[in-house]
């Protein structure tokens, strides 16, 4: 499953959850599930991002960072915003995770 997690930690987000969802649908044809706007950095970060930072040293530095979590809920790898979502590296990692789950 792919889940979008909008955040205004980088001062670029729209003001409401619905506005973010509408913008992503219209401009990016994005129809995947999306959380509400959450903090991803610092003391006010969502518990998922606190876990990623504290346990795995993964802290988003900008928008469009990606995280791969396996079927057991274990952190596999984090990717920067320059990593393409359908790029070879992510696809290869996903394929490895899926193979291990079978």
PDB file of N, CA and C in Angstrom:
ATOM      1  N   UNK A   1       0.846  -1.176   0.000  1.00  0.00           N
ATOM      2  CA  UNK A   1       0.000   0.000   0.000  1.00  0.00           C
ATOM      3  C   UNK A   1       0.887   1.232   0.000  1.00  0.00           C
ATOM      4  N   UNK A   2       0.477   2.210  -0.734  1.00  0.00           N
ATOM      5  CA  UNK A   2       1.167   3.499  -0.760  1.00  0.00           C
ATOM      6  C   UNK A   2       0.252   4.495  -0.071  1.00  0.00           C
ATOM      7  N   UNK A   3       0.826   5.272   0.832  1.00  0.00           N
ATOM      8  CA  UNK A   3       0.069   6.239   1.621  1.00  0.00           C
ATOM      9  C   UNK A   3       0.762   7.591   1.543  1.00  0.00           C
ATOM     10  N   UNK A   4       0.026   8.626   1.192  1.00  0.00           N
ATOM     11  CA  UNK A   4       0.571   9.989   1.156  1.00  0.00           C
ATOM     12  C   UNK A   4       0.377  10.634   2.525  1.00  0.00           C
ATOM     13  N   UNK A   5       1.414  11.340   2.983  1.00  0.00           N
ATOM     14  CA  UNK A   5       1.372  11.994   4.294  1.00  0.00           C
ATOM     15  C   UNK A   5       1.750  13.464   4.112  1.00  0.00           C
ATOM     16  N   UNK A   6       0.768  14.332   3.948  1.00  0.00           N
ATOM     17  CA  UNK A   6       1.086  15.756   3.784  1.00  0.00           C
ATOM     18  C   UNK A   6       1.541  16.387   5.094  1.00  0.00           C
ATOM     19  N   UNK A   7       2.465  17.333   4.972  1.00  0.00           N
ATOM     20  CA  UNK A   7       2.987  18.038   6.137  1.00  0.00           C
ATOM     21  C   UNK A   7       3.268  19.486   5.763  1.00  0.00           C
ATOM     22  N   UNK A   8       3.074  20.369   6.703  1.00  0.00           N
ATOM     23  CA  UNK A   8       3.399  21.774   6.475  1.00  0.00           C
ATOM     24  C   UNK A   8       4.711  22.157   7.146  1.00  0.00           C
ATOM     25  N   UNK A   9       5.508  21.180   7.522  1.00  0.00           N
ATOM     26  CA  UNK A   9       6.795  21.467   8.159  1.00  0.00           C
ATOM     27  C   UNK A   9       7.730  22.244   7.236  1.00  0.00           C
ATOM     28  N   UNK A  10       7.467  22.231   5.949  1.00  0.00           N
ATOM     29  CA  UNK A  10       8.325  22.904   4.980  1.00  0.00           C
ATOM     30  C   UNK A  10       7.652  24.144   4.405  1.00  0.00           C
ATOM     31  N   UNK A  11       6.549  24.540   5.044  1.00  0.00           N
ATOM     32  CA  UNK A  11       5.828  25.782   4.728  1.00  0.00           C
ATOM     33  C   UNK A  11       5.367  25.862   3.281  1.00  0.00           C
ATOM     34  N   UNK A  12       4.903  24.711   2.747  1.00  0.00           N
ATOM     35  CA  UNK A  12       4.414  24.709   1.379  1.00  0.00           C
ATOM     36  C   UNK A  12       3.022  24.107   1.241  1.00  0.00           C
ATOM     37  N   UNK A  13       2.455  23.655   2.327  1.00  0.00           N
ATOM     38  CA  UNK A  13       1.193  22.928   2.244  1.00  0.00           C
ATOM     39  C   UNK A  13       0.006  23.890   2.205  1.00  0.00           C
ATOM     40  N   UNK A  14      -1.075  23.426   1.632  1.00  0.00           N
ATOM     41  CA  UNK A  14      -2.321  24.178   1.634  1.00  0.00           C
ATOM     42  C   UNK A  14      -2.924  24.134   3.033  1.00  0.00           C
ATOM     43  N   UNK A  15      -3.971  24.892   3.263  1.00  0.00           N
ATOM     44  CA  UNK A  15      -4.451  25.099   4.631  1.00  0.00           C
ATOM     45  C   UNK A  15      -5.355  24.006   5.189  1.00  0.00           C
ATOM     46  N   UNK A  16      -5.991  23.208   4.317  1.00  0.00           N
ATOM     47  CA  UNK A  16      -6.891  22.180   4.841  1.00  0.00           C
ATOM     48  C   UNK A  16      -6.580  20.827   4.211  1.00  0.00           C
ATOM     49  N   UNK A  17      -6.988  19.771   4.894  1.00  0.00           N
ATOM     50  CA  UNK A  17      -6.792  18.414   4.369  1.00  0.00           C
ATOM     51  C   UNK A  17      -7.480  18.253   3.017  1.00  0.00           C
ATOM     52  N   UNK A  18      -8.693  18.766   2.895  1.00  0.00           N
ATOM     53  CA  UNK A  18      -9.432  18.648   1.644  1.00  0.00           C
ATOM     54  C   UNK A  18      -8.746  19.420   0.519  1.00  0.00           C
ATOM     55  N   UNK A  19      -8.235  20.599   0.824  1.00  0.00           N
ATOM     56  CA  UNK A  19      -7.540  21.386  -0.199  1.00  0.00           C
ATOM     57  C   UNK A  19      -6.302  20.648  -0.704  1.00  0.00           C
ATOM     58  N   UNK A  20      -5.576  19.994   0.186  1.00  0.00           N
ATOM     59  CA  UNK A  20      -4.399  19.221  -0.213  1.00  0.00           C
ATOM     60  C   UNK A  20      -4.821  18.062  -1.110  1.00  0.00           C
ATOM     61  N   UNK A  21      -5.843  17.337  -0.699  1.00  0.00           N
ATOM     62  CA  UNK A  21      -6.310  16.198  -1.484  1.00  0.00           C
ATOM     63  C   UNK A  21      -6.783  16.641  -2.865  1.00  0.00           C
ATOM     64  N   UNK A  22      -7.582  17.706  -2.915  1.00  0.00           N
ATOM     65  CA  UNK A  22      -8.071  18.206  -4.199  1.00  0.00           C
ATOM     66  C   UNK A  22      -6.917  18.633  -5.106  1.00  0.00           C
ATOM     67  N   UNK A  23      -5.954  19.354  -4.559  1.00  0.00           N
ATOM     68  CA  UNK A  23      -4.796  19.813  -5.322  1.00  0.00           C
ATOM     69  C   UNK A  23      -4.027  18.635  -5.914  1.00  0.00           C
ATOM     70  N   UNK A  24      -3.793  17.613  -5.102  1.00  0.00           N
ATOM     71  CA  UNK A  24      -3.039  16.444  -5.566  1.00  0.00           C
ATOM     72  C   UNK A  24      -3.803  15.657  -6.634  1.00  0.00           C
ATOM     73  N   UNK A  25      -5.115  15.577  -6.487  1.00  0.00           N
ATOM     74  CA  UNK A  25      -5.921  14.888  -7.500  1.00  0.00           C
ATOM     75  C   UNK A  25      -5.897  15.637  -8.830  1.00  0.00           C
ATOM     76  N   UNK A  26      -6.068  16.954  -8.774  1.00  0.00           N
ATOM     77  CA  UNK A  26      -6.139  17.762  -9.993  1.00  0.00           C
ATOM     78  C   UNK A  26      -4.769  17.884 -10.665  1.00  0.00           C
ATOM     79  N   UNK A  27      -3.729  18.148  -9.894  1.00  0.00           N
ATOM     80  CA  UNK A  27      -2.420  18.442 -10.472  1.00  0.00           C
ATOM     81  C   UNK A  27      -1.529  17.218 -10.693  1.00  0.00           C
ATOM     82  N   UNK A  28      -1.740  16.168  -9.924  1.00  0.00           N
ATOM     83  CA  UNK A  28      -0.869  14.997 -10.034  1.00  0.00           C
ATOM     84  C   UNK A  28      -1.634  13.710 -10.326  1.00  0.00           C
ATOM     85  N   UNK A  29      -2.946  13.799 -10.494  1.00  0.00           N
ATOM     86  CA  UNK A  29      -3.793  12.621 -10.698  1.00  0.00           C
ATOM     87  C   UNK A  29      -3.564  11.604  -9.574  1.00  0.00           C
ATOM     88  N   UNK A  30      -3.358  12.106  -8.382  1.00  0.00           N
ATOM     89  CA  UNK A  30      -3.063  11.279  -7.215  1.00  0.00           C
ATOM     90  C   UNK A  30      -4.362  10.849  -6.555  1.00  0.00           C
ATOM     91  N   UNK A  31      -4.586   9.558  -6.527  1.00  0.00           N
ATOM     92  CA  UNK A  31      -5.823   9.034  -5.947  1.00  0.00           C
ATOM     93  C   UNK A  31      -5.554   8.053  -4.814  1.00  0.00           C
ATOM     94  N   UNK A  32      -4.312   7.961  -4.374  1.00  0.00           N
ATOM     95  CA  UNK A  32      -3.997   7.022  -3.294  1.00  0.00           C
ATOM     96  C   UNK A  32      -4.451   7.571  -1.945  1.00  0.00           C
ATOM     97  N   UNK A  33      -4.558   6.706  -0.936  1.00  0.00           N
ATOM     98  CA  UNK A  33      -4.987   7.174   0.387  1.00  0.00           C
ATOM     99  C   UNK A  33      -4.035   8.239   0.925  1.00  0.00           C
ATOM    100  N   UNK A  34      -4.617   9.192   1.645  1.00  0.00           N
ATOM    101  CA  UNK A  34      -3.837  10.307   2.175  1.00  0.00           C
ATOM    102  C   UNK A  34      -4.252  10.554   3.623  1.00  0.00           C
ATOM    103  N   UNK A  35      -3.264  10.769   4.482  1.00  0.00           N
ATOM    104  CA  UNK A  35      -3.561  11.110   5.871  1.00  0.00           C
ATOM    105  C   UNK A  35      -3.937  12.580   5.973  1.00  0.00           C
ATOM    106  N   UNK A  36      -4.285  12.985   7.169  1.00  0.00           N
ATOM    107  CA  UNK A  36      -4.454  14.409   7.418  1.00  0.00           C
ATOM    108  C   UNK A  36      -3.073  15.050   7.434  1.00  0.00           C
ATOM    109  N   UNK A  37      -3.020  16.362   7.421  1.00  0.00           N
ATOM    110  CA  UNK A  37      -1.756  17.086   7.490  1.00  0.00           C
ATOM    111  C   UNK A  37      -1.148  16.854   8.871  1.00  0.00           C
ATOM    112  N   UNK A  38       0.105  16.369   8.895  1.00  0.00           N
ATOM    113  CA  UNK A  38       0.787  16.084  10.162  1.00  0.00           C
ATOM    114  C   UNK A  38       2.185  16.675  10.145  1.00  0.00           C
ATOM    115  N   UNK A  39       2.755  16.792  11.321  1.00  0.00           N
ATOM    116  CA  UNK A  39       4.152  17.200  11.430  1.00  0.00           C
ATOM    117  C   UNK A  39       5.022  15.964  11.263  1.00  0.00           C
ATOM    118  N   UNK A  40       6.138  16.112  10.548  1.00  0.00           N
ATOM    119  CA  UNK A  40       7.039  14.983  10.311  1.00  0.00           C
ATOM    120  C   UNK A  40       8.422  15.211  10.920  1.00  0.00           C
ATOM    121  N   UNK A  41       8.608  16.363  11.577  1.00  0.00           N
ATOM    122  CA  UNK A  41       9.922  16.693  12.146  1.00  0.00           C
ATOM    123  C   UNK A  41       9.775  17.280  13.537  1.00  0.00           C
ATOM    124  N   UNK A  42      10.799  17.066  14.351  1.00  0.00           N
ATOM    125  CA  UNK A  42      10.866  17.704  15.660  1.00  0.00           C
ATOM    126  C   UNK A  42       9.983  17.064  16.705  1.00  0.00           C
ATOM    127  N   UNK A  43       9.835  17.772  17.823  1.00  0.00           N
ATOM    128  CA  UNK A  43       9.090  17.261  18.965  1.00  0.00           C
ATOM    129  C   UNK A  43       7.611  17.048  18.681  1.00  0.00           C
ATOM    130  N   UNK A  44       7.060  17.788  17.728  1.00  0.00           N
ATOM    131  CA  UNK A  44       5.635  17.657  17.426  1.00  0.00           C
ATOM    132  C   UNK A  44       5.365  16.664  16.287  1.00  0.00           C
ATOM    133  N   UNK A  45       6.394  15.943  15.865  1.00  0.00           N
ATOM    134  CA  UNK A  45       6.224  14.986  14.763  1.00  0.00           C
ATOM    135  C   UNK A  45       5.235  13.892  15.142  1.00  0.00           C
ATOM    136  N   UNK A  46       4.520  13.420  14.151  1.00  0.00           N
ATOM    137  CA  UNK A  46       3.617  12.285  14.318  1.00  0.00           C
ATOM    138  C   UNK A  46       4.432  11.109  14.881  1.00  0.00           C
ATOM    139  N   UNK A  47       3.834  10.251  15.706  1.00  0.00           N
ATOM    140  CA  UNK A  47       4.579   9.121  16.296  1.00  0.00           C
ATOM    141  C   UNK A  47       5.319   8.252  15.275  1.00  0.00           C
ATOM    142  N   UNK A  48       4.759   8.078  14.083  1.00  0.00           N
ATOM    143  CA  UNK A  48       5.471   7.308  13.058  1.00  0.00           C
ATOM    144  C   UNK A  48       6.806   7.964  12.733  1.00  0.00           C
ATOM    145  N   UNK A  49       6.793   9.272  12.550  1.00  0.00           N
ATOM    146  CA  UNK A  49       8.019   9.969  12.180  1.00  0.00           C
ATOM    147  C   UNK A  49       8.968  10.116  13.368  1.00  0.00           C
ATOM    148  N   UNK A  50       8.440  10.148  14.583  1.00  0.00           N
ATOM    149  CA  UNK A  50       9.314  10.101  15.759  1.00  0.00           C
ATOM    150  C   UNK A  50      10.037   8.762  15.813  1.00  0.00           C
ATOM    151  N   UNK A  51       9.307   7.661  15.551  1.00  0.00           N
ATOM    152  CA  UNK A  51       9.906   6.327  15.520  1.00  0.00           C
ATOM    153  C   UNK A  51      10.968   6.235  14.434  1.00  0.00           C
ATOM    154  N   UNK A  52      10.648   6.741  13.238  1.00  0.00           N
ATOM    155  CA  UNK A  52      11.621   6.703  12.145  1.00  0.00           C
ATOM    156  C   UNK A  52      12.889   7.474  12.507  1.00  0.00           C
ATOM    157  N   UNK A  53      12.733   8.621  13.151  1.00  0.00           N
ATOM    158  CA  UNK A  53      13.897   9.430  13.531  1.00  0.00           C
ATOM    159  C   UNK A  53      14.682   8.782  14.661  1.00  0.00           C
ATOM    160  N   UNK A  54      13.986   8.376  15.708  1.00  0.00           N
ATOM    161  CA  UNK A  54      14.669   7.857  16.897  1.00  0.00           C
ATOM    162  C   UNK A  54      15.268   6.479  16.698  1.00  0.00           C
ATOM    163  N   UNK A  55      14.571   5.619  15.992  1.00  0.00           N
ATOM    164  CA  UNK A  55      15.032   4.237  15.840  1.00  0.00           C
ATOM    165  C   UNK A  55      15.857   3.997  14.583  1.00  0.00           C
ATOM    166  N   UNK A  56      15.642   4.842  13.554  1.00  0.00           N
ATOM    167  CA  UNK A  56      16.285   4.566  12.277  1.00  0.00           C
ATOM    168  C   UNK A  56      17.045   5.752  11.701  1.00  0.00           C
ATOM    169  N   UNK A  57      17.047   6.875  12.409  1.00  0.00           N
ATOM    170  CA  UNK A  57      17.784   8.041  11.939  1.00  0.00           C
ATOM    171  C   UNK A  57      17.221   8.657  10.667  1.00  0.00           C
ATOM    172  N   UNK A  58      15.969   8.342  10.340  1.00  0.00           N
ATOM    173  CA  UNK A  58      15.363   8.865   9.117  1.00  0.00           C
ATOM    174  C   UNK A  58      14.527  10.093   9.452  1.00  0.00           C
ATOM    175  N   UNK A  59      14.928  11.234   8.905  1.00  0.00           N
ATOM    176  CA  UNK A  59      14.225  12.499   9.113  1.00  0.00           C
ATOM    177  C   UNK A  59      14.024  13.192   7.765  1.00  0.00           C
ATOM    178  N   UNK A  60      12.780  13.382   7.347  1.00  0.00           N
ATOM    179  CA  UNK A  60      12.566  14.097   6.084  1.00  0.00           C
ATOM    180  C   UNK A  60      13.171  15.498   6.153  1.00  0.00           C
ATOM    181  N   UNK A  61      13.908  15.853   5.123  1.00  0.00           N
ATOM    182  CA  UNK A  61      14.506  17.188   5.050  1.00  0.00           C
ATOM    183  C   UNK A  61      13.743  18.098   4.109  1.00  0.00           C
ATOM    184  N   UNK A  62      12.814  17.511   3.373  1.00  0.00           N
ATOM    185  CA  UNK A  62      12.021  18.284   2.420  1.00  0.00           C
ATOM    186  C   UNK A  62      10.806  17.456   2.031  1.00  0.00           C
ATOM    187  N   UNK A  63       9.951  18.001   1.204  1.00  0.00           N
ATOM    188  CA  UNK A  63       8.769  17.292   0.729  1.00  0.00           C
ATOM    189  C   UNK A  63       9.144  16.084  -0.129  1.00  0.00           C
ATOM    190  N   UNK A  64       8.223  15.181  -0.245  1.00  0.00           N
ATOM    191  CA  UNK A  64       8.312  14.023  -1.135  1.00  0.00           C
ATOM    192  C   UNK A  64       9.380  13.012  -0.727  1.00  0.00           C
ATOM    193  N   UNK A  65       9.737  12.992   0.547  1.00  0.00           N
ATOM    194  CA  UNK A  65      10.564  11.889   1.036  1.00  0.00           C
ATOM    195  C   UNK A  65       9.698  10.640   1.060  1.00  0.00           C
ATOM    196  N   UNK A  66      10.331   9.499   0.943  1.00  0.00           N
ATOM    197  CA  UNK A  66       9.596   8.240   0.892  1.00  0.00           C
ATOM    198  C   UNK A  66      10.164   7.269   1.908  1.00  0.00           C
ATOM    199  N   UNK A  67       9.301   6.393   2.437  1.00  0.00           N
ATOM    200  CA  UNK A  67       9.706   5.393   3.414  1.00  0.00           C
ATOM    201  C   UNK A  67       9.118   4.058   2.979  1.00  0.00           C
ATOM    202  N   UNK A  68       9.953   3.022   3.018  1.00  0.00           N
ATOM    203  CA  UNK A  68       9.485   1.671   2.720  1.00  0.00           C
ATOM    204  C   UNK A  68       9.454   0.886   4.023  1.00  0.00           C
ATOM    205  N   UNK A  69       8.278   0.375   4.347  1.00  0.00           N
ATOM    206  CA  UNK A  69       8.064  -0.434   5.546  1.00  0.00           C
ATOM    207  C   UNK A  69       7.544  -1.788   5.080  1.00  0.00           C
ATOM    208  N   UNK A  70       8.107  -2.860   5.625  1.00  0.00           N
ATOM    209  CA  UNK A  70       7.715  -4.190   5.155  1.00  0.00           C
ATOM    210  C   UNK A  70       6.415  -4.670   5.784  1.00  0.00           C
ATOM    211  N   UNK A  71       6.010  -5.871   5.433  1.00  0.00           N
ATOM    212  CA  UNK A  71       4.736  -6.430   5.879  1.00  0.00           C
ATOM    213  C   UNK A  71       4.693  -6.683   7.384  1.00  0.00           C
ATOM    214  N   UNK A  72       5.848  -6.691   8.043  1.00  0.00           N
ATOM    215  CA  UNK A  72       5.904  -6.846   9.502  1.00  0.00           C
ATOM    216  C   UNK A  72       5.926  -5.504  10.232  1.00  0.00           C
ATOM    217  N   UNK A  73       5.929  -4.413   9.481  1.00  0.00           N
ATOM    218  CA  UNK A  73       6.000  -3.094  10.084  1.00  0.00           C
ATOM    219  C   UNK A  73       7.416  -2.644  10.370  1.00  0.00           C
ATOM    220  N   UNK A  74       8.396  -3.331   9.782  1.00  0.00           N
ATOM    221  CA  UNK A  74       9.800  -2.971   9.989  1.00  0.00           C
ATOM    222  C   UNK A  74      10.259  -1.979   8.929  1.00  0.00           C
ATOM    223  N   UNK A  75      11.066  -1.029   9.349  1.00  0.00           N
ATOM    224  CA  UNK A  75      11.666  -0.052   8.442  1.00  0.00           C
ATOM    225  C   UNK A  75      12.628  -0.780   7.504  1.00  0.00           C
ATOM    226  N   UNK A  76      12.482  -0.530   6.211  1.00  0.00           N
ATOM    227  CA  UNK A  76      13.388  -1.110   5.222  1.00  0.00           C
ATOM    228  C   UNK A  76      14.380  -0.057   4.753  1.00  0.00           C
ATOM    229  N   UNK A  77      13.878   1.078   4.283  1.00  0.00           N
ATOM    230  CA  UNK A  77      14.753   2.120   3.764  1.00  0.00           C
ATOM    231  C   UNK A  77      13.966   3.424   3.618  1.00  0.00           C
ATOM    232  N   UNK A  78      14.686   4.514   3.699  1.00  0.00           N
ATOM    233  CA  UNK A  78      14.126   5.829   3.424  1.00  0.00           C
ATOM    234  C   UNK A  78      14.764   6.397   2.174  1.00  0.00           C
ATOM    235  N   UNK A  79      14.038   7.249   1.494  1.00  0.00           N
ATOM    236  CA  UNK A  79      14.497   7.810   0.222  1.00  0.00           C
ATOM    237  C   UNK A  79      14.280   9.321   0.241  1.00  0.00           C
ATOM    238  N   UNK A  80      15.185  10.052  -0.370  1.00  0.00           N
ATOM    239  CA  UNK A  80      15.063  11.507  -0.422  1.00  0.00           C
ATOM    240  C   UNK A  80      14.047  11.925  -1.481  1.00  0.00           C
ATOM    241  N   UNK A  81      13.785  13.211  -1.522  1.00  0.00           N
ATOM    242  CA  UNK A  81      12.805  13.741  -2.471  1.00  0.00           C
ATOM    243  C   UNK A  81      13.264  13.612  -3.918  1.00  0.00           C
ATOM    244  N   UNK A  82      14.547  13.469  -4.156  1.00  0.00           N
ATOM    245  CA  UNK A  82      15.015  13.344  -5.543  1.00  0.00           C
ATOM    246  C   UNK A  82      14.861  11.923  -6.077  1.00  0.00           C
ATOM    247  N   UNK A  83      14.580  10.961  -5.204  1.00  0.00           N
ATOM    248  CA  UNK A  83      14.362   9.586  -5.647  1.00  0.00           C
ATOM    249  C   UNK A  83      12.990   9.488  -6.298  1.00  0.00           C
ATOM    250  N   UNK A  84      12.963   9.002  -7.515  1.00  0.00           N
ATOM    251  CA  UNK A  84      11.692   8.891  -8.241  1.00  0.00           C
ATOM    252  C   UNK A  84      10.855   7.745  -7.671  1.00  0.00           C
ATOM    253  N   UNK A  85       9.560   7.980  -7.455  1.00  0.00           N
ATOM    254  CA  UNK A  85       8.699   6.948  -6.873  1.00  0.00           C
ATOM    255  C   UNK A  85       8.679   5.636  -7.663  1.00  0.00           C
ATOM    256  N   UNK A  86       8.844   5.711  -8.959  1.00  0.00           N
ATOM    257  CA  UNK A  86       8.855   4.502  -9.782  1.00  0.00           C
ATOM    258  C   UNK A  86      10.266   4.181 -10.277  1.00  0.00           C
ATOM    259  N   UNK A  87      11.259   4.760  -9.607  1.00  0.00           N
ATOM    260  CA  UNK A  87      12.641   4.543  -9.996  1.00  0.00           C
ATOM    261  C   UNK A  87      13.117   3.126  -9.709  1.00  0.00           C
ATOM    262  N   UNK A  88      14.232   2.785 -10.317  1.00  0.00           N
ATOM    263  CA  UNK A  88      14.787   1.440 -10.214  1.00  0.00           C
ATOM    264  C   UNK A  88      15.085   1.045  -8.776  1.00  0.00           C
ATOM    265  N   UNK A  89      15.635   1.952  -7.980  1.00  0.00           N
ATOM    266  CA  UNK A  89      16.017   1.623  -6.604  1.00  0.00           C
ATOM    267  C   UNK A  89      14.800   1.255  -5.762  1.00  0.00           C
ATOM    268  N   UNK A  90      13.776   2.068  -5.783  1.00  0.00           N
ATOM    269  CA  UNK A  90      12.583   1.772  -4.990  1.00  0.00           C
ATOM    270  C   UNK A  90      11.917   0.492  -5.487  1.00  0.00           C
ATOM    271  N   UNK A  91      11.780   0.362  -6.789  1.00  0.00           N
ATOM    272  CA  UNK A  91      11.150  -0.853  -7.325  1.00  0.00           C
ATOM    273  C   UNK A  91      11.926  -2.102  -6.925  1.00  0.00           C
ATOM    274  N   UNK A  92      13.233  -2.030  -6.992  1.00  0.00           N
ATOM    275  CA  UNK A  92      14.061  -3.173  -6.597  1.00  0.00           C
ATOM    276  C   UNK A  92      13.861  -3.512  -5.126  1.00  0.00           C
ATOM    277  N   UNK A  93      13.834  -2.500  -4.278  1.00  0.00           N
ATOM    278  CA  UNK A  93      13.629  -2.729  -2.843  1.00  0.00           C
ATOM    279  C   UNK A  93      12.244  -3.315  -2.565  1.00  0.00           C
ATOM    280  N   UNK A  94      11.231  -2.807  -3.256  1.00  0.00           N
ATOM    281  CA  UNK A  94       9.868  -3.326  -3.082  1.00  0.00           C
ATOM    282  C   UNK A  94       9.796  -4.784  -3.526  1.00  0.00           C
ATOM    283  N   UNK A  95      10.412  -5.085  -4.644  1.00  0.00           N
ATOM    284  CA  UNK A  95      10.422  -6.467  -5.121  1.00  0.00           C
ATOM    285  C   UNK A  95      11.086  -7.401  -4.108  1.00  0.00           C
ATOM    286  N   UNK A  96      12.177  -6.950  -3.491  1.00  0.00           N
ATOM    287  CA  UNK A  96      12.853  -7.767  -2.475  1.00  0.00           C
ATOM    288  C   UNK A  96      11.942  -7.981  -1.267  1.00  0.00           C
ATOM    289  N   UNK A  97      11.264  -6.936  -0.834  1.00  0.00           N
ATOM    290  CA  UNK A  97      10.357  -7.041   0.301  1.00  0.00           C
ATOM    291  C   UNK A  97       9.214  -8.017  -0.021  1.00  0.00           C
ATOM    292  N   UNK A  98       8.651  -7.893  -1.203  1.00  0.00           N
ATOM    293  CA  UNK A  98       7.562  -8.781  -1.600  1.00  0.00           C
ATOM    294  C   UNK A  98       8.036 -10.233  -1.708  1.00  0.00           C
ATOM    295  N   UNK A  99       9.219 -10.440  -2.233  1.00  0.00           N
ATOM    296  CA  UNK A  99       9.764 -11.810  -2.333  1.00  0.00           C
ATOM    297  C   UNK A  99       9.978 -12.414  -0.968  1.00  0.00           C
ATOM    298  N   UNK A 100      10.456 -11.630  -0.028  1.00  0.00           N
ATOM    299  CA  UNK A 100      10.702 -12.127   1.336  1.00  0.00           C
ATOM    300  C   UNK A 100       9.399 -12.460   2.044  1.00  0.00           C
ATOM    301  N   UNK A 101       8.299 -11.802   1.650  1.00  0.00           N
ATOM    302  CA  UNK A 101       7.008 -12.024   2.313  1.00  0.00           C
ATOM    303  C   UNK A 101       6.330 -13.295   1.844  1.00  0.00           C
ATOM    304  N   UNK A 102       6.786 -13.850   0.742  1.00  0.00           N
ATOM    305  CA  UNK A 102       6.128 -15.045   0.184  1.00  0.00           C
ATOM    306  C   UNK A 102       6.685 -16.319   0.762  1.00  0.00           C
TER     307      UNK A 102
END
